[in-house]
């Protein structure tokens, strides 16, 4: 009865964006042993281009960061829960695929390693939060500071005000007969509409045998789509990954996820 509850797709999808340890605890799965993770991660740290060193201290820090990392996607393979988790430290990120098979946890693969943008690092977000609190406090103090009314001046000697002769007010008839000397000199203003910026075009050549993950990296690096693993999952869920052919593909800034996938579905330009 517990296995049927665990393997339900809606339940697995409900833990996306939660910390991994909290996510698996909420659906009744056991903790991921540290030794099983550190032994499995070591071969991936020796590959060319690895952002992490293969030593005991680094493997322990990676295990801790993944256990508290964000679940960015989930899946179910033959009734086995699959979790895509993002961890890392020091401005470097690692996306891993973890699988629960035969009542045991396993590191299925390392999906990608990349540098985390400065604005998304935890220390930068904390610094921005502190700065915002300080600025808000200063503005609140300035805006709510009491204003002192000026003290009226006291004349040493009383002055007498001269009497102003009264003038006879004009009658309504005189007011109607007087011509109006005021003219409306305000000219209508014309508003200029700004032209929308021209979208930038990017071309990607998919060589025969090249993994589609390189295409996702290209879109992420050129700010056409945010998230390498997210676009990989989008191609997989729409089955476009099975129909993409080698060739040149042209993308433009401002395209939505659906438009990017449509470009791949339509085939190469050449």
Protein backbone atom coordinates (compact mmCIF):
# COMPACT_ATOMS: atom_id res chain seq x y z
CA UNK A 1 0.00 0.00 0.00
CA UNK A 2 2.92 2.36 0.78
CA UNK A 3 4.62 1.66 -2.61
CA UNK A 4 1.46 2.57 -4.55
CA UNK A 5 1.28 5.81 -2.57
CA UNK A 6 4.91 6.68 -3.22
CA UNK A 7 4.86 5.97 -6.94
CA UNK A 8 1.81 8.12 -7.70
CA UNK A 9 2.87 10.78 -10.22
CA UNK A 10 0.90 13.66 -8.63
CA UNK A 11 2.58 12.96 -5.29
CA UNK A 12 6.07 12.94 -6.83
CA UNK A 13 5.39 16.17 -8.70
CA UNK A 14 4.14 17.87 -5.53
CA UNK A 15 7.65 18.06 -4.04
CA UNK A 16 9.19 20.13 -6.86
CA UNK A 17 11.00 23.27 -5.56
CA UNK A 18 11.28 21.79 -2.05
CA UNK A 19 14.59 20.91 -0.35
CA UNK A 20 15.46 17.31 -1.23
CA UNK A 21 15.61 16.00 2.35
CA UNK A 22 12.27 17.60 3.19
CA UNK A 23 10.75 16.33 -0.06
CA UNK A 24 11.60 12.64 0.42
CA UNK A 25 10.60 12.78 4.09
CA UNK A 26 7.17 14.17 3.15
CA UNK A 27 6.43 11.23 0.83
CA UNK A 28 7.77 8.56 3.17
CA UNK A 29 11.15 7.74 1.59
CA UNK A 30 14.27 7.05 3.72
CA UNK A 31 17.30 9.33 3.88
CA UNK A 32 20.06 9.14 1.26
CA UNK A 33 23.20 7.61 2.92
CA UNK A 34 26.28 9.82 2.67
CA UNK A 35 28.64 6.97 1.80
CA UNK A 36 26.46 5.84 -1.11
CA UNK A 37 26.54 9.37 -2.53
CA UNK A 38 30.24 10.14 -2.04
CA UNK A 39 31.32 6.82 -3.58
CA UNK A 40 29.11 7.37 -6.64
CA UNK A 41 30.04 11.03 -7.21
CA UNK A 42 33.81 10.46 -7.37
CA UNK A 43 34.01 9.30 -11.05
CA UNK A 44 32.12 12.43 -12.22
CA UNK A 45 34.69 14.69 -10.56
CA UNK A 46 37.50 13.33 -12.76
CA UNK A 47 35.89 14.16 -16.13
CA UNK A 48 37.35 17.05 -18.21
CA UNK A 49 35.75 20.36 -17.35
CA UNK A 50 34.71 19.34 -13.84
CA UNK A 51 34.19 22.35 -11.57
CA UNK A 52 34.87 20.39 -8.38
CA UNK A 53 37.95 18.60 -7.05
CA UNK A 54 37.82 14.93 -6.07
CA UNK A 55 38.75 14.96 -2.41
CA UNK A 56 37.01 13.88 0.78
CA UNK A 57 36.18 17.42 1.88
CA UNK A 58 34.63 18.37 -1.48
CA UNK A 59 32.59 15.14 -1.70
CA UNK A 60 31.20 15.74 1.81
CA UNK A 61 30.26 19.34 0.96
CA UNK A 62 28.56 18.20 -2.27
CA UNK A 63 26.54 15.58 -0.39
CA UNK A 64 25.40 18.17 2.16
CA UNK A 65 24.50 20.73 -0.54
CA UNK A 66 22.51 18.17 -2.59
CA UNK A 67 20.66 16.88 0.48
CA UNK A 68 19.55 20.48 1.17
CA UNK A 69 19.35 21.42 -2.52
CA UNK A 70 16.23 22.26 -4.50
CA UNK A 71 14.23 19.55 -6.30
CA UNK A 72 14.00 21.10 -9.78
CA UNK A 73 12.16 18.22 -11.53
CA UNK A 74 10.77 14.73 -10.89
CA UNK A 75 9.88 11.67 -12.92
CA UNK A 76 8.87 8.02 -12.52
CA UNK A 77 10.69 5.24 -14.41
CA UNK A 78 9.09 1.80 -14.19
CA UNK A 79 7.54 2.67 -10.83
CA UNK A 80 10.86 4.09 -9.57
CA UNK A 81 10.85 7.72 -8.29
CA UNK A 82 13.44 9.94 -9.98
CA UNK A 83 14.55 13.30 -8.59
CA UNK A 84 16.57 16.04 -10.31
CA UNK A 85 18.30 18.03 -7.55
CA UNK A 86 20.50 21.15 -7.73
CA UNK A 87 23.31 21.55 -5.22
CA UNK A 88 26.72 23.21 -5.05
CA UNK A 89 28.79 25.80 -3.24
CA UNK A 90 31.19 28.67 -3.90
CA UNK A 91 29.27 29.96 -6.93
CA UNK A 92 29.33 26.53 -8.62
CA UNK A 93 26.28 24.34 -9.21
CA UNK A 94 25.76 20.65 -9.90
CA UNK A 95 22.51 19.12 -11.18
CA UNK A 96 22.21 15.40 -10.32
CA UNK A 97 19.67 12.69 -11.06
CA UNK A 98 18.85 10.55 -7.98
CA UNK A 99 16.79 7.36 -8.20
CA UNK A 100 15.13 5.19 -5.54
CA UNK A 101 15.36 1.58 -6.77
CA UNK A 102 14.82 -1.67 -4.87
CA UNK A 103 14.41 0.30 -1.64
CA UNK A 104 17.87 1.83 -2.04
CA UNK A 105 19.09 5.24 -3.16
CA UNK A 106 21.50 5.63 -6.08
CA UNK A 107 23.15 8.52 -7.93
CA UNK A 108 22.01 7.77 -11.48
CA UNK A 109 24.05 10.54 -13.19
CA UNK A 110 25.38 14.09 -13.00
CA UNK A 111 23.30 16.09 -15.48
CA UNK A 112 25.41 19.25 -15.56
CA UNK A 113 27.94 21.45 -13.76
CA UNK A 114 27.80 25.21 -14.17
CA UNK A 115 28.58 28.49 -12.46
CA UNK A 116 25.77 30.11 -10.51
CA UNK A 117 25.09 33.79 -11.42
CA UNK A 118 26.26 36.24 -8.76
CA UNK A 119 22.75 37.60 -8.21
CA UNK A 120 21.45 34.12 -7.28
CA UNK A 121 24.06 33.24 -4.68
CA UNK A 122 22.72 33.02 -1.10
CA UNK A 123 25.22 35.53 0.33
CA UNK A 124 24.32 38.09 -2.36
CA UNK A 125 20.59 37.70 -1.65
CA UNK A 126 21.23 38.13 2.08
CA UNK A 127 23.31 41.24 1.39
CA UNK A 128 20.55 42.74 -0.79
CA UNK A 129 17.96 41.99 1.91
CA UNK A 130 20.04 43.69 4.61
CA UNK A 131 20.67 46.72 2.37
CA UNK A 132 16.94 47.00 1.59
CA UNK A 133 16.09 46.94 5.31
CA UNK A 134 18.65 49.66 6.07
CA UNK A 135 17.42 51.90 3.23
CA UNK A 136 13.80 51.41 4.28
CA UNK A 137 14.67 52.37 7.85
CA UNK A 138 16.44 55.56 6.75
CA UNK A 139 13.56 56.58 4.46
CA UNK A 140 11.04 55.87 7.20
CA UNK A 141 12.95 58.06 9.65
CA UNK A 142 13.26 60.94 7.15
CA UNK A 143 9.61 60.84 6.09
CA UNK A 144 8.23 60.63 9.62
CA UNK A 145 10.55 63.22 11.20
CA UNK A 146 8.41 66.00 12.82
CA UNK A 147 8.51 69.35 11.11
CA UNK A 148 8.90 72.52 13.26
CA UNK A 149 6.61 75.44 12.41
CA UNK A 150 8.42 78.78 11.90
CA UNK A 151 8.19 81.29 14.79
CA UNK A 152 6.27 84.43 13.76
CA UNK A 153 8.26 87.68 13.87
CA UNK A 154 7.32 90.27 16.56
CA UNK A 155 7.35 93.93 15.51
CA UNK A 156 8.86 96.32 18.04
CA UNK A 157 6.63 99.22 17.01
CA UNK A 158 2.95 98.92 16.00
CA UNK A 159 2.32 99.98 12.45
CA UNK A 160 -0.81 101.53 11.11
CA UNK A 161 -2.21 100.16 7.92
CA UNK A 162 -3.28 102.87 5.42
CA UNK A 163 -6.86 102.81 4.46
CA UNK A 164 -7.47 101.57 0.95
CA UNK A 165 -10.28 103.43 -0.79
CA UNK A 166 -13.11 101.14 -1.67
CA UNK A 167 -14.01 100.73 -5.31
CA UNK A 168 -17.46 100.23 -6.64
CA UNK A 169 -17.88 96.64 -7.81
CA UNK A 170 -18.79 96.19 -11.41
CA UNK A 171 -22.34 95.20 -12.11
CA UNK A 172 -23.25 91.96 -13.84
CA UNK A 173 -24.24 93.94 -16.91
CA UNK A 174 -20.80 95.58 -17.14
CA UNK A 175 -19.10 92.22 -16.70
CA UNK A 176 -21.05 90.77 -19.62
CA UNK A 177 -20.25 93.70 -21.91
CA UNK A 178 -16.49 93.65 -21.28
CA UNK A 179 -14.68 91.74 -24.05
CA UNK A 180 -12.57 88.79 -23.03
CA UNK A 181 -8.85 89.49 -23.42
CA UNK A 182 -7.59 86.02 -22.47
CA UNK A 183 -6.84 83.55 -25.21
CA UNK A 184 -5.98 79.90 -24.92
CA UNK A 185 -2.33 79.75 -25.94
CA UNK A 186 -1.79 76.14 -24.98
CA UNK A 187 -0.84 74.11 -28.05
CA UNK A 188 -1.73 70.42 -28.18
CA UNK A 189 1.24 68.17 -27.54
CA UNK A 190 2.04 65.23 -29.74
CA UNK A 191 3.18 61.99 -28.13
CA UNK A 192 5.79 59.92 -29.85
CA UNK A 193 5.52 56.17 -29.63
CA UNK A 194 8.79 54.32 -29.20
CA UNK A 195 9.52 51.58 -31.70
CA UNK A 196 9.91 48.12 -30.20
CA UNK A 197 13.53 46.83 -30.19
CA UNK A 198 14.54 44.53 -33.03
CA UNK A 199 14.92 40.95 -31.74
CA UNK A 200 18.41 39.44 -31.86
CA UNK A 201 18.88 36.27 -33.91
CA UNK A 202 21.04 33.32 -32.78
CA UNK A 203 21.96 30.27 -34.88
CA UNK A 204 22.86 26.86 -33.44
CA UNK A 205 24.26 24.00 -35.52
CA UNK A 206 23.39 20.54 -34.23
CA UNK A 207 26.09 18.19 -35.49
CA UNK A 208 25.37 14.46 -35.96
CA UNK A 209 25.93 12.64 -32.68
CA UNK A 210 25.89 15.85 -30.60
CA UNK A 211 23.85 15.52 -27.34
CA UNK A 212 20.76 17.71 -27.07
CA UNK A 213 22.07 18.93 -23.73
CA UNK A 214 24.49 21.15 -25.74
CA UNK A 215 21.46 22.84 -27.32
CA UNK A 216 19.98 23.50 -23.87
CA UNK A 217 23.31 24.96 -22.73
CA UNK A 218 23.37 27.22 -25.84
CA UNK A 219 19.88 28.58 -25.12
CA UNK A 220 20.75 29.16 -21.45
CA UNK A 221 24.08 30.90 -22.21
CA UNK A 222 22.43 33.29 -24.71
CA UNK A 223 19.55 34.06 -22.29
CA UNK A 224 16.99 32.56 -24.69
CA UNK A 225 15.76 30.16 -21.98
CA UNK A 226 16.53 29.94 -18.26
CA UNK A 227 17.50 26.49 -17.02
CA UNK A 228 19.40 23.71 -18.82
CA UNK A 229 17.66 20.81 -17.07
CA UNK A 230 14.26 22.50 -17.45
CA UNK A 231 14.60 22.67 -21.26
CA UNK A 232 15.90 19.08 -21.37
CA UNK A 233 12.75 18.01 -19.53
CA UNK A 234 10.55 20.10 -21.85
CA UNK A 235 11.98 18.32 -24.93
CA UNK A 236 11.56 14.95 -23.22
CA UNK A 237 7.96 15.57 -22.11
CA UNK A 238 6.92 16.72 -25.60
CA UNK A 239 8.86 13.85 -27.30
CA UNK A 240 10.65 16.41 -29.45
CA UNK A 241 13.99 14.96 -28.33
CA UNK A 242 13.20 11.88 -30.44
CA UNK A 243 12.49 13.88 -33.62
CA UNK A 244 15.22 16.55 -33.68
CA UNK A 245 17.47 16.27 -36.76
CA UNK A 246 21.01 17.58 -37.24
CA UNK A 247 21.32 20.97 -38.95
CA UNK A 248 21.08 24.70 -38.34
CA UNK A 249 18.35 26.14 -36.13
CA UNK A 250 17.61 29.87 -35.78
CA UNK A 251 16.25 31.37 -32.56
CA UNK A 252 15.27 34.93 -31.63
CA UNK A 253 15.20 36.78 -28.32
CA UNK A 254 11.79 36.97 -26.70
CA UNK A 255 10.68 33.50 -27.85
CA UNK A 256 8.56 31.52 -25.41
CA UNK A 257 9.24 27.89 -24.50
CA UNK A 258 6.50 26.78 -26.88
CA UNK A 259 8.01 28.78 -29.77
CA UNK A 260 11.51 27.38 -29.10
CA UNK A 261 10.16 23.84 -29.17
CA UNK A 262 8.22 24.61 -32.38
CA UNK A 263 11.48 25.66 -34.09
CA UNK A 264 12.97 22.25 -33.25
CA UNK A 265 9.80 20.50 -34.38
CA UNK A 266 9.85 22.29 -37.76
CA UNK A 267 13.34 20.97 -38.50
CA UNK A 268 16.63 22.61 -39.50
CA UNK A 269 16.89 25.62 -41.84
CA UNK A 270 19.20 23.91 -44.36
